[in-house]
Protein backbone atom coordinates (compact mmCIF):
# COMPACT_ATOMS: atom_id res chain seq x y z
CA UNK A 1 -38.45 49.96 15.54
CA UNK A 2 -34.76 50.70 15.93
CA UNK A 3 -32.48 49.54 13.23
CA UNK A 4 -28.87 48.54 14.02
CA UNK A 5 -25.63 48.28 11.91
CA UNK A 6 -24.11 45.25 13.35
CA UNK A 7 -20.20 45.79 12.38
CA UNK A 8 -17.55 43.12 12.98
CA UNK A 9 -15.06 41.34 11.76
CA UNK A 10 -15.91 39.00 9.06
CA UNK A 11 -12.22 37.21 8.10
CA UNK A 12 -13.08 33.70 9.09
CA UNK A 13 -16.03 31.43 9.84
CA UNK A 14 -16.28 32.11 13.55
CA UNK A 15 -16.18 35.60 13.32
CA UNK A 16 -19.07 35.58 10.95
CA UNK A 17 -21.05 33.12 13.38
CA UNK A 18 -20.75 35.21 16.34
CA UNK A 19 -21.67 38.19 14.78
CA UNK A 20 -24.78 36.31 13.14
CA UNK A 21 -25.33 34.82 16.81
CA UNK A 22 -25.61 38.74 18.34
CA UNK A 23 -27.68 40.04 15.66
CA UNK A 24 -30.09 37.11 16.24
CA UNK A 25 -30.45 37.87 19.67
CA UNK A 26 -30.82 41.68 19.21
CA UNK A 27 -33.48 40.81 16.94
CA UNK A 28 -34.81 38.70 19.67
CA UNK A 29 -35.17 42.01 22.16
CA UNK A 30 -36.93 43.64 19.11
CA UNK A 31 -34.54 45.25 17.16
CA UNK A 32 -34.10 45.11 13.17
CA UNK A 33 -30.34 43.74 12.29
CA UNK A 34 -28.32 45.20 9.44
CA UNK A 35 -25.87 42.27 8.67
CA UNK A 36 -23.15 43.95 6.26
CA UNK A 37 -22.02 40.07 5.38
CA UNK A 38 -25.73 39.73 3.77
CA UNK A 39 -25.86 43.07 2.48
CA UNK A 40 -22.68 42.61 0.79
CA UNK A 41 -23.93 39.50 -1.17
CA UNK A 42 -25.20 41.34 -4.45
CA UNK A 43 -21.88 42.93 -5.05
CA UNK A 44 -19.62 39.85 -5.75
CA UNK A 45 -17.94 39.86 -9.25
CA UNK A 46 -18.68 37.22 -12.03
CA UNK A 47 -15.21 35.68 -10.97
CA UNK A 48 -16.37 35.60 -6.85
CA UNK A 49 -14.48 38.59 -6.11
CA UNK A 50 -15.81 41.21 -3.89
CA UNK A 51 -16.48 44.65 -5.38
CA UNK A 52 -15.31 46.52 -2.88
CA UNK A 53 -15.94 50.03 -3.82
CA UNK A 54 -19.62 49.18 -4.34
CA UNK A 55 -19.56 46.99 -1.05
CA UNK A 56 -18.37 50.33 0.44
CA UNK A 57 -21.10 52.87 -1.11
CA UNK A 58 -23.66 50.43 0.28
CA UNK A 59 -22.31 50.53 4.02
CA UNK A 60 -22.16 53.84 4.08
CA UNK A 61 -25.71 54.40 2.86
CA UNK A 62 -26.79 51.30 5.32
CA UNK A 63 -24.88 53.35 8.22
CA UNK A 64 -26.02 56.57 7.57
CA UNK A 65 -29.84 55.35 7.63
CA UNK A 66 -29.46 53.22 10.68
CA UNK A 67 -30.55 54.44 14.16
CA UNK A 68 -27.46 52.60 16.38
CA UNK A 69 -24.11 51.13 15.27
CA UNK A 70 -23.25 48.32 16.82
CA UNK A 71 -19.31 47.66 16.77
CA UNK A 72 -18.81 44.06 17.81
CA UNK A 73 -14.87 43.95 18.37
């Protein structure tokens, strides 16, 4: 099984939808996709703000463990 870390802009809803659509197409081809947007959700503070340091640390672990990094720019 090949794991893909799907990097891309997450600033707007359109960016997020585009990344999810691309990820879904990759999954249909048999790849396992790591979505940073989804993986970062546990690292939101009680006030709703993102804990950037924890998100970045987790992302680095995921990038190091994936087989392929796809940058959707």
